[in-house]
Amino acid sequence: MGRLPKIYPRRPPREPVDEPAALVLEDGAVATVQLRNVSEAGFGAECRGFVRIGSHVALERSGRARRAHVRWALRGRFGAVFADAE
């Protein structure tokens, strides 16, 4: 145990961060999230509200928005892959 099977591609390095960001949900609502890590391919964040697995969102950070697809969510945390990285 300890190594992933070779069927899983290696993830790009993630940069740890601790900053607020805005998450635009599918219905247009905006939620404040705490961004925890970011990479070329996606990000991890925490949110007080519910973020649905499979939903399409946009992460607004530093005046720039990037569309993303939520891949996992658990107990107020979630991870998403940027649409242009899929």
PDB file of N, CA and C in Angstrom:
ATOM      1  N   MET A   1       0.843  -1.173   0.000  1.00  0.00           N
ATOM      2  CA  MET A   1       0.000   0.000   0.000  1.00  0.00           C
ATOM      3  C   MET A   1       0.891   1.240   0.000  1.00  0.00           C
ATOM      4  N   GLY A   2       0.316   2.399  -0.256  1.00  0.00           N
ATOM      5  CA  GLY A   2       1.108   3.625  -0.259  1.00  0.00           C
ATOM      6  C   GLY A   2       1.297   4.211  -1.645  1.00  0.00           C
ATOM      7  N   ARG A   3       1.270   3.387  -2.662  1.00  0.00           N
ATOM      8  CA  ARG A   3       1.408   3.879  -4.031  1.00  0.00           C
ATOM      9  C   ARG A   3       0.097   3.676  -4.770  1.00  0.00           C
ATOM     10  N   LEU A   4      -0.273   4.679  -5.556  1.00  0.00           N
ATOM     11  CA  LEU A   4      -1.486   4.563  -6.364  1.00  0.00           C
ATOM     12  C   LEU A   4      -1.209   3.681  -7.571  1.00  0.00           C
ATOM     13  N   PRO A   5      -2.212   2.948  -8.028  1.00  0.00           N
ATOM     14  CA  PRO A   5      -2.021   2.175  -9.259  1.00  0.00           C
ATOM     15  C   PRO A   5      -1.653   3.101 -10.402  1.00  0.00           C
ATOM     16  N   LYS A   6      -0.968   2.580 -11.378  1.00  0.00           N
ATOM     17  CA  LYS A   6      -0.483   3.386 -12.503  1.00  0.00           C
ATOM     18  C   LYS A   6      -1.594   3.973 -13.366  1.00  0.00           C
ATOM     19  N   ILE A   7      -2.846   3.559 -13.148  1.00  0.00           N
ATOM     20  CA  ILE A   7      -3.946   4.112 -13.951  1.00  0.00           C
ATOM     21  C   ILE A   7      -4.257   5.561 -13.599  1.00  0.00           C
ATOM     22  N   TYR A   8      -3.803   6.022 -12.432  1.00  0.00           N
ATOM     23  CA  TYR A   8      -4.047   7.400 -12.023  1.00  0.00           C
ATOM     24  C   TYR A   8      -2.899   8.288 -12.477  1.00  0.00           C
ATOM     25  N   PRO A   9      -3.206   9.335 -13.257  1.00  0.00           N
ATOM     26  CA  PRO A   9      -2.126  10.232 -13.682  1.00  0.00           C
ATOM     27  C   PRO A   9      -1.600  11.032 -12.492  1.00  0.00           C
ATOM     28  N   ARG A  10      -0.363  11.392 -12.565  1.00  0.00           N
ATOM     29  CA  ARG A  10       0.254  12.193 -11.506  1.00  0.00           C
ATOM     30  C   ARG A  10      -0.365  13.586 -11.500  1.00  0.00           C
ATOM     31  N   ARG A  11      -0.715  14.085 -10.312  1.00  0.00           N
ATOM     32  CA  ARG A  11      -1.318  15.421 -10.203  1.00  0.00           C
ATOM     33  C   ARG A  11      -0.238  16.489 -10.249  1.00  0.00           C
ATOM     34  N   PRO A  12      -0.576  17.650 -10.821  1.00  0.00           N
ATOM     35  CA  PRO A  12       0.380  18.763 -10.796  1.00  0.00           C
ATOM     36  C   PRO A  12       0.622  19.183  -9.340  1.00  0.00           C
ATOM     37  N   PRO A  13       1.794  19.739  -9.048  1.00  0.00           N
ATOM     38  CA  PRO A  13       2.078  20.189  -7.683  1.00  0.00           C
ATOM     39  C   PRO A  13       1.060  21.235  -7.226  1.00  0.00           C
ATOM     40  N   ARG A  14       0.643  21.125  -5.985  1.00  0.00           N
ATOM     41  CA  ARG A  14      -0.309  22.082  -5.418  1.00  0.00           C
ATOM     42  C   ARG A  14       0.438  23.089  -4.545  1.00  0.00           C
ATOM     43  N   GLU A  15       0.040  24.327  -4.678  1.00  0.00           N
ATOM     44  CA  GLU A  15       0.615  25.404  -3.866  1.00  0.00           C
ATOM     45  C   GLU A  15      -0.322  25.662  -2.693  1.00  0.00           C
ATOM     46  N   PRO A  16       0.167  25.521  -1.457  1.00  0.00           N
ATOM     47  CA  PRO A  16      -0.708  25.832  -0.325  1.00  0.00           C
ATOM     48  C   PRO A  16      -0.992  27.330  -0.261  1.00  0.00           C
ATOM     49  N   VAL A  17      -2.241  27.678  -0.019  1.00  0.00           N
ATOM     50  CA  VAL A  17      -2.648  29.071   0.141  1.00  0.00           C
ATOM     51  C   VAL A  17      -3.660  29.132   1.281  1.00  0.00           C
ATOM     52  N   ASP A  18      -3.890  30.306   1.781  1.00  0.00           N
ATOM     53  CA  ASP A  18      -4.903  30.530   2.816  1.00  0.00           C
ATOM     54  C   ASP A  18      -5.475  31.920   2.572  1.00  0.00           C
ATOM     55  N   GLU A  19      -6.421  31.982   1.633  1.00  0.00           N
ATOM     56  CA  GLU A  19      -6.982  33.283   1.264  1.00  0.00           C
ATOM     57  C   GLU A  19      -8.455  33.145   0.894  1.00  0.00           C
ATOM     58  N   PRO A  20      -9.227  34.182   1.150  1.00  0.00           N
ATOM     59  CA  PRO A  20     -10.636  34.141   0.753  1.00  0.00           C
ATOM     60  C   PRO A  20     -10.766  34.311  -0.759  1.00  0.00           C
ATOM     61  N   ALA A  21     -11.821  33.714  -1.295  1.00  0.00           N
ATOM     62  CA  ALA A  21     -12.128  33.843  -2.718  1.00  0.00           C
ATOM     63  C   ALA A  21     -13.644  33.747  -2.866  1.00  0.00           C
ATOM     64  N   ALA A  22     -14.138  34.078  -4.044  1.00  0.00           N
ATOM     65  CA  ALA A  22     -15.573  33.973  -4.323  1.00  0.00           C
ATOM     66  C   ALA A  22     -15.807  32.783  -5.238  1.00  0.00           C
ATOM     67  N   LEU A  23     -16.865  32.047  -4.958  1.00  0.00           N
ATOM     68  CA  LEU A  23     -17.248  30.912  -5.776  1.00  0.00           C
ATOM     69  C   LEU A  23     -18.633  31.185  -6.335  1.00  0.00           C
ATOM     70  N   VAL A  24     -18.735  31.277  -7.649  1.00  0.00           N
ATOM     71  CA  VAL A  24     -20.029  31.489  -8.300  1.00  0.00           C
ATOM     72  C   VAL A  24     -20.622  30.108  -8.590  1.00  0.00           C
ATOM     73  N   LEU A  25     -21.795  29.850  -8.006  1.00  0.00           N
ATOM     74  CA  LEU A  25     -22.449  28.559  -8.145  1.00  0.00           C
ATOM     75  C   LEU A  25     -23.279  28.495  -9.419  1.00  0.00           C
ATOM     76  N   GLU A  26     -23.781  27.314  -9.746  1.00  0.00           N
ATOM     77  CA  GLU A  26     -24.544  27.121 -10.984  1.00  0.00           C
ATOM     78  C   GLU A  26     -25.758  28.033 -11.088  1.00  0.00           C
ATOM     79  N   ASP A  27     -26.395  28.330  -9.956  1.00  0.00           N
ATOM     80  CA  ASP A  27     -27.592  29.174  -9.978  1.00  0.00           C
ATOM     81  C   ASP A  27     -27.275  30.664  -9.955  1.00  0.00           C
ATOM     82  N   GLY A  28     -25.986  31.006  -9.998  1.00  0.00           N
ATOM     83  CA  GLY A  28     -25.571  32.400 -10.003  1.00  0.00           C
ATOM     84  C   GLY A  28     -25.283  32.974  -8.630  1.00  0.00           C
ATOM     85  N   ALA A  29     -25.631  32.233  -7.578  1.00  0.00           N
ATOM     86  CA  ALA A  29     -25.331  32.684  -6.214  1.00  0.00           C
ATOM     87  C   ALA A  29     -23.812  32.702  -6.015  1.00  0.00           C
ATOM     88  N   VAL A  30     -23.369  33.594  -5.148  1.00  0.00           N
ATOM     89  CA  VAL A  30     -21.944  33.711  -4.860  1.00  0.00           C
ATOM     90  C   VAL A  30     -21.702  33.324  -3.408  1.00  0.00           C
ATOM     91  N   ALA A  31     -20.759  32.410  -3.203  1.00  0.00           N
ATOM     92  CA  ALA A  31     -20.392  31.970  -1.855  1.00  0.00           C
ATOM     93  C   ALA A  31     -18.948  32.370  -1.580  1.00  0.00           C
ATOM     94  N   THR A  32     -18.680  32.776  -0.355  1.00  0.00           N
ATOM     95  CA  THR A  32     -17.304  33.048   0.045  1.00  0.00           C
ATOM     96  C   THR A  32     -16.678  31.736   0.472  1.00  0.00           C
ATOM     97  N   VAL A  33     -15.500  31.442  -0.077  1.00  0.00           N
ATOM     98  CA  VAL A  33     -14.776  30.233   0.279  1.00  0.00           C
ATOM     99  C   VAL A  33     -13.390  30.608   0.782  1.00  0.00           C
ATOM    100  N   GLN A  34     -12.780  29.702   1.497  1.00  0.00           N
ATOM    101  CA  GLN A  34     -11.402  29.879   1.935  1.00  0.00           C
ATOM    102  C   GLN A  34     -10.567  28.933   1.087  1.00  0.00           C
ATOM    103  N   LEU A  35      -9.783  29.486   0.191  1.00  0.00           N
ATOM    104  CA  LEU A  35      -8.951  28.710  -0.707  1.00  0.00           C
ATOM    105  C   LEU A  35      -7.797  28.115   0.091  1.00  0.00           C
ATOM    106  N   ARG A  36      -7.570  26.806  -0.035  1.00  0.00           N
ATOM    107  CA  ARG A  36      -6.528  26.109   0.725  1.00  0.00           C
ATOM    108  C   ARG A  36      -5.345  25.655  -0.111  1.00  0.00           C
ATOM    109  N   ASN A  37      -5.607  25.321  -1.393  1.00  0.00           N
ATOM    110  CA  ASN A  37      -4.507  24.969  -2.286  1.00  0.00           C
ATOM    111  C   ASN A  37      -4.954  25.201  -3.717  1.00  0.00           C
ATOM    112  N   VAL A  38      -3.968  25.383  -4.583  1.00  0.00           N
ATOM    113  CA  VAL A  38      -4.268  25.631  -5.988  1.00  0.00           C
ATOM    114  C   VAL A  38      -3.140  25.038  -6.830  1.00  0.00           C
ATOM    115  N   SER A  39      -3.489  24.553  -8.015  1.00  0.00           N
ATOM    116  CA  SER A  39      -2.497  24.040  -8.960  1.00  0.00           C
ATOM    117  C   SER A  39      -2.926  24.469 -10.355  1.00  0.00           C
ATOM    118  N   GLU A  40      -2.160  24.057 -11.361  1.00  0.00           N
ATOM    119  CA  GLU A  40      -2.539  24.346 -12.741  1.00  0.00           C
ATOM    120  C   GLU A  40      -3.867  23.681 -13.083  1.00  0.00           C
ATOM    121  N   ALA A  41      -4.154  22.556 -12.428  1.00  0.00           N
ATOM    122  CA  ALA A  41      -5.320  21.754 -12.790  1.00  0.00           C
ATOM    123  C   ALA A  41      -6.562  22.032 -11.954  1.00  0.00           C
ATOM    124  N   GLY A  42      -6.417  22.572 -10.744  1.00  0.00           N
ATOM    125  CA  GLY A  42      -7.595  22.764  -9.911  1.00  0.00           C
ATOM    126  C   GLY A  42      -7.281  23.407  -8.573  1.00  0.00           C
ATOM    127  N   PHE A  43      -8.213  23.231  -7.626  1.00  0.00           N
ATOM    128  CA  PHE A  43      -8.041  23.856  -6.321  1.00  0.00           C
ATOM    129  C   PHE A  43      -8.813  23.080  -5.258  1.00  0.00           C
ATOM    130  N   GLY A  44      -8.434  23.335  -4.015  1.00  0.00           N
ATOM    131  CA  GLY A  44      -9.150  22.819  -2.855  1.00  0.00           C
ATOM    132  C   GLY A  44      -9.555  23.998  -1.996  1.00  0.00           C
ATOM    133  N   ALA A  45     -10.741  23.929  -1.402  1.00  0.00           N
ATOM    134  CA  ALA A  45     -11.249  25.052  -0.618  1.00  0.00           C
ATOM    135  C   ALA A  45     -12.177  24.560   0.478  1.00  0.00           C
ATOM    136  N   GLU A  46     -12.518  25.467   1.377  1.00  0.00           N
ATOM    137  CA  GLU A  46     -13.496  25.219   2.426  1.00  0.00           C
ATOM    138  C   GLU A  46     -14.635  26.207   2.254  1.00  0.00           C
ATOM    139  N   CYS A  47     -15.852  25.749   2.581  1.00  0.00           N
ATOM    140  CA  CYS A  47     -17.029  26.573   2.414  1.00  0.00           C
ATOM    141  C   CYS A  47     -18.048  26.207   3.485  1.00  0.00           C
ATOM    142  N   ARG A  48     -18.702  27.201   4.066  1.00  0.00           N
ATOM    143  CA  ARG A  48     -19.744  26.931   5.070  1.00  0.00           C
ATOM    144  C   ARG A  48     -20.992  26.329   4.450  1.00  0.00           C
ATOM    145  N   GLY A  49     -21.254  26.679   3.205  1.00  0.00           N
ATOM    146  CA  GLY A  49     -22.434  26.166   2.512  1.00  0.00           C
ATOM    147  C   GLY A  49     -22.150  24.829   1.849  1.00  0.00           C
ATOM    148  N   PHE A  50     -23.178  24.274   1.251  1.00  0.00           N
ATOM    149  CA  PHE A  50     -23.088  22.988   0.571  1.00  0.00           C
ATOM    150  C   PHE A  50     -22.647  23.197  -0.870  1.00  0.00           C
ATOM    151  N   VAL A  51     -21.631  22.489  -1.293  1.00  0.00           N
ATOM    152  CA  VAL A  51     -21.180  22.514  -2.684  1.00  0.00           C
ATOM    153  C   VAL A  51     -21.410  21.111  -3.235  1.00  0.00           C
ATOM    154  N   ARG A  52     -22.214  21.009  -4.270  1.00  0.00           N
ATOM    155  CA  ARG A  52     -22.622  19.708  -4.804  1.00  0.00           C
ATOM    156  C   ARG A  52     -21.560  19.108  -5.720  1.00  0.00           C
ATOM    157  N   ILE A  53     -21.230  17.847  -5.485  1.00  0.00           N
ATOM    158  CA  ILE A  53     -20.319  17.114  -6.361  1.00  0.00           C
ATOM    159  C   ILE A  53     -20.923  17.091  -7.759  1.00  0.00           C
ATOM    160  N   GLY A  54     -20.108  17.377  -8.749  1.00  0.00           N
ATOM    161  CA  GLY A  54     -20.569  17.384 -10.130  1.00  0.00           C
ATOM    162  C   GLY A  54     -21.030  18.740 -10.622  1.00  0.00           C
ATOM    163  N   SER A  55     -21.154  19.710  -9.713  1.00  0.00           N
ATOM    164  CA  SER A  55     -21.627  21.028 -10.136  1.00  0.00           C
ATOM    165  C   SER A  55     -20.531  21.803 -10.867  1.00  0.00           C
ATOM    166  N   HIS A  56     -20.977  22.723 -11.709  1.00  0.00           N
ATOM    167  CA  HIS A  56     -20.066  23.598 -12.452  1.00  0.00           C
ATOM    168  C   HIS A  56     -20.072  24.945 -11.745  1.00  0.00           C
ATOM    169  N   VAL A  57     -18.895  25.444 -11.420  1.00  0.00           N
ATOM    170  CA  VAL A  57     -18.734  26.680 -10.649  1.00  0.00           C
ATOM    171  C   VAL A  57     -17.701  27.559 -11.336  1.00  0.00           C
ATOM    172  N   ALA A  58     -17.521  28.747 -10.813  1.00  0.00           N
ATOM    173  CA  ALA A  58     -16.438  29.627 -11.256  1.00  0.00           C
ATOM    174  C   ALA A  58     -15.739  30.160 -10.013  1.00  0.00           C
ATOM    175  N   LEU A  59     -14.433  30.054  -9.980  1.00  0.00           N
ATOM    176  CA  LEU A  59     -13.633  30.570  -8.872  1.00  0.00           C
ATOM    177  C   LEU A  59     -13.141  31.955  -9.251  1.00  0.00           C
ATOM    178  N   GLU A  60     -13.498  32.953  -8.440  1.00  0.00           N
ATOM    179  CA  GLU A  60     -13.039  34.321  -8.674  1.00  0.00           C
ATOM    180  C   GLU A  60     -11.946  34.622  -7.658  1.00  0.00           C
ATOM    181  N   ARG A  61     -10.765  34.909  -8.200  1.00  0.00           N
ATOM    182  CA  ARG A  61      -9.589  35.150  -7.356  1.00  0.00           C
ATOM    183  C   ARG A  61      -8.732  36.219  -8.022  1.00  0.00           C
ATOM    184  N   SER A  62      -8.379  37.223  -7.264  1.00  0.00           N
ATOM    185  CA  SER A  62      -7.511  38.296  -7.762  1.00  0.00           C
ATOM    186  C   SER A  62      -8.043  38.926  -9.040  1.00  0.00           C
ATOM    187  N   GLY A  63      -9.363  39.126  -9.110  1.00  0.00           N
ATOM    188  CA  GLY A  63      -9.966  39.782 -10.254  1.00  0.00           C
ATOM    189  C   GLY A  63     -10.108  38.911 -11.487  1.00  0.00           C
ATOM    190  N   ARG A  64      -9.824  37.629 -11.358  1.00  0.00           N
ATOM    191  CA  ARG A  64      -9.908  36.708 -12.491  1.00  0.00           C
ATOM    192  C   ARG A  64     -10.832  35.551 -12.140  1.00  0.00           C
ATOM    193  N   ALA A  65     -11.670  35.126 -13.081  1.00  0.00           N
ATOM    194  CA  ALA A  65     -12.579  34.007 -12.847  1.00  0.00           C
ATOM    195  C   ALA A  65     -12.180  32.837 -13.742  1.00  0.00           C
ATOM    196  N   ARG A  66     -12.217  31.632 -13.157  1.00  0.00           N
ATOM    197  CA  ARG A  66     -11.957  30.409 -13.928  1.00  0.00           C
ATOM    198  C   ARG A  66     -13.056  29.410 -13.639  1.00  0.00           C
ATOM    199  N   ARG A  67     -13.625  28.855 -14.713  1.00  0.00           N
ATOM    200  CA  ARG A  67     -14.664  27.841 -14.553  1.00  0.00           C
ATOM    201  C   ARG A  67     -14.034  26.544 -14.065  1.00  0.00           C
ATOM    202  N   ALA A  68     -14.812  25.807 -13.255  1.00  0.00           N
ATOM    203  CA  ALA A  68     -14.312  24.553 -12.689  1.00  0.00           C
ATOM    204  C   ALA A  68     -15.466  23.573 -12.490  1.00  0.00           C
ATOM    205  N   HIS A  69     -15.101  22.322 -12.274  1.00  0.00           N
ATOM    206  CA  HIS A  69     -16.054  21.232 -12.075  1.00  0.00           C
ATOM    207  C   HIS A  69     -15.727  20.599 -10.717  1.00  0.00           C
ATOM    208  N   VAL A  70     -16.702  20.572  -9.805  1.00  0.00           N
ATOM    209  CA  VAL A  70     -16.473  20.040  -8.454  1.00  0.00           C
ATOM    210  C   VAL A  70     -16.368  18.516  -8.535  1.00  0.00           C
ATOM    211  N   ARG A  71     -15.257  17.969  -8.067  1.00  0.00           N
ATOM    212  CA  ARG A  71     -15.002  16.533  -8.134  1.00  0.00           C
ATOM    213  C   ARG A  71     -15.317  15.816  -6.827  1.00  0.00           C
ATOM    214  N   TRP A  72     -15.089  16.486  -5.693  1.00  0.00           N
ATOM    215  CA  TRP A  72     -15.373  15.852  -4.406  1.00  0.00           C
ATOM    216  C   TRP A  72     -15.782  16.905  -3.397  1.00  0.00           C
ATOM    217  N   ALA A  73     -16.519  16.495  -2.389  1.00  0.00           N
ATOM    218  CA  ALA A  73     -16.941  17.389  -1.303  1.00  0.00           C
ATOM    219  C   ALA A  73     -17.149  16.539  -0.054  1.00  0.00           C
ATOM    220  N   LEU A  74     -16.671  17.039   1.079  1.00  0.00           N
ATOM    221  CA  LEU A  74     -16.775  16.298   2.326  1.00  0.00           C
ATOM    222  C   LEU A  74     -16.638  17.252   3.501  1.00  0.00           C
ATOM    223  N   ARG A  75     -17.663  17.322   4.329  1.00  0.00           N
ATOM    224  CA  ARG A  75     -17.635  18.090   5.585  1.00  0.00           C
ATOM    225  C   ARG A  75     -17.104  19.512   5.437  1.00  0.00           C
ATOM    226  N   GLY A  76     -17.688  20.259   4.510  1.00  0.00           N
ATOM    227  CA  GLY A  76     -17.317  21.663   4.361  1.00  0.00           C
ATOM    228  C   GLY A  76     -16.087  21.912   3.515  1.00  0.00           C
ATOM    229  N   ARG A  77     -15.469  20.855   3.018  1.00  0.00           N
ATOM    230  CA  ARG A  77     -14.311  21.002   2.131  1.00  0.00           C
ATOM    231  C   ARG A  77     -14.692  20.434   0.767  1.00  0.00           C
ATOM    232  N   PHE A  78     -14.032  20.924  -0.279  1.00  0.00           N
ATOM    233  CA  PHE A  78     -14.293  20.398  -1.611  1.00  0.00           C
ATOM    234  C   PHE A  78     -13.096  20.638  -2.515  1.00  0.00           C
ATOM    235  N   GLY A  79     -13.060  19.908  -3.603  1.00  0.00           N
ATOM    236  CA  GLY A  79     -12.002  20.068  -4.589  1.00  0.00           C
ATOM    237  C   GLY A  79     -12.613  20.142  -5.972  1.00  0.00           C
ATOM    238  N   ALA A  80     -12.004  20.931  -6.836  1.00  0.00           N
ATOM    239  CA  ALA A  80     -12.530  21.118  -8.187  1.00  0.00           C
ATOM    240  C   ALA A  80     -11.386  21.134  -9.192  1.00  0.00           C
ATOM    241  N   VAL A  81     -11.717  20.736 -10.413  1.00  0.00           N
ATOM    242  CA  VAL A  81     -10.775  20.741 -11.530  1.00  0.00           C
ATOM    243  C   VAL A  81     -11.168  21.876 -12.451  1.00  0.00           C
ATOM    244  N   PHE A  82     -10.194  22.684 -12.853  1.00  0.00           N
ATOM    245  CA  PHE A  82     -10.485  23.770 -13.775  1.00  0.00           C
ATOM    246  C   PHE A  82     -10.944  23.210 -15.117  1.00  0.00           C
ATOM    247  N   ALA A  83     -11.965  23.834 -15.707  1.00  0.00           N
ATOM    248  CA  ALA A  83     -12.553  23.346 -16.953  1.00  0.00           C
ATOM    249  C   ALA A  83     -11.531  23.301 -18.082  1.00  0.00           C
ATOM    250  N   ASP A  84     -10.624  24.250 -18.110  1.00  0.00           N
ATOM    251  CA  ASP A  84      -9.629  24.259 -19.184  1.00  0.00           C
ATOM    252  C   ASP A  84      -8.491  23.269 -18.947  1.00  0.00           C
ATOM    253  N   ALA A  85      -8.528  22.552 -17.815  1.00  0.00           N
ATOM    254  CA  ALA A  85      -7.501  21.553 -17.511  1.00  0.00           C
ATOM    255  C   ALA A  85      -8.031  20.131 -17.681  1.00  0.00           C
ATOM    256  N   GLU A  86      -9.339  19.982 -17.918  1.00  0.00           N
ATOM    257  CA  GLU A  86      -9.948  18.641 -18.050  1.00  0.00           C
ATOM    258  C   GLU A  86      -9.641  18.030 -19.397  1.00  0.00           C
TER     259      GLU A  86
END
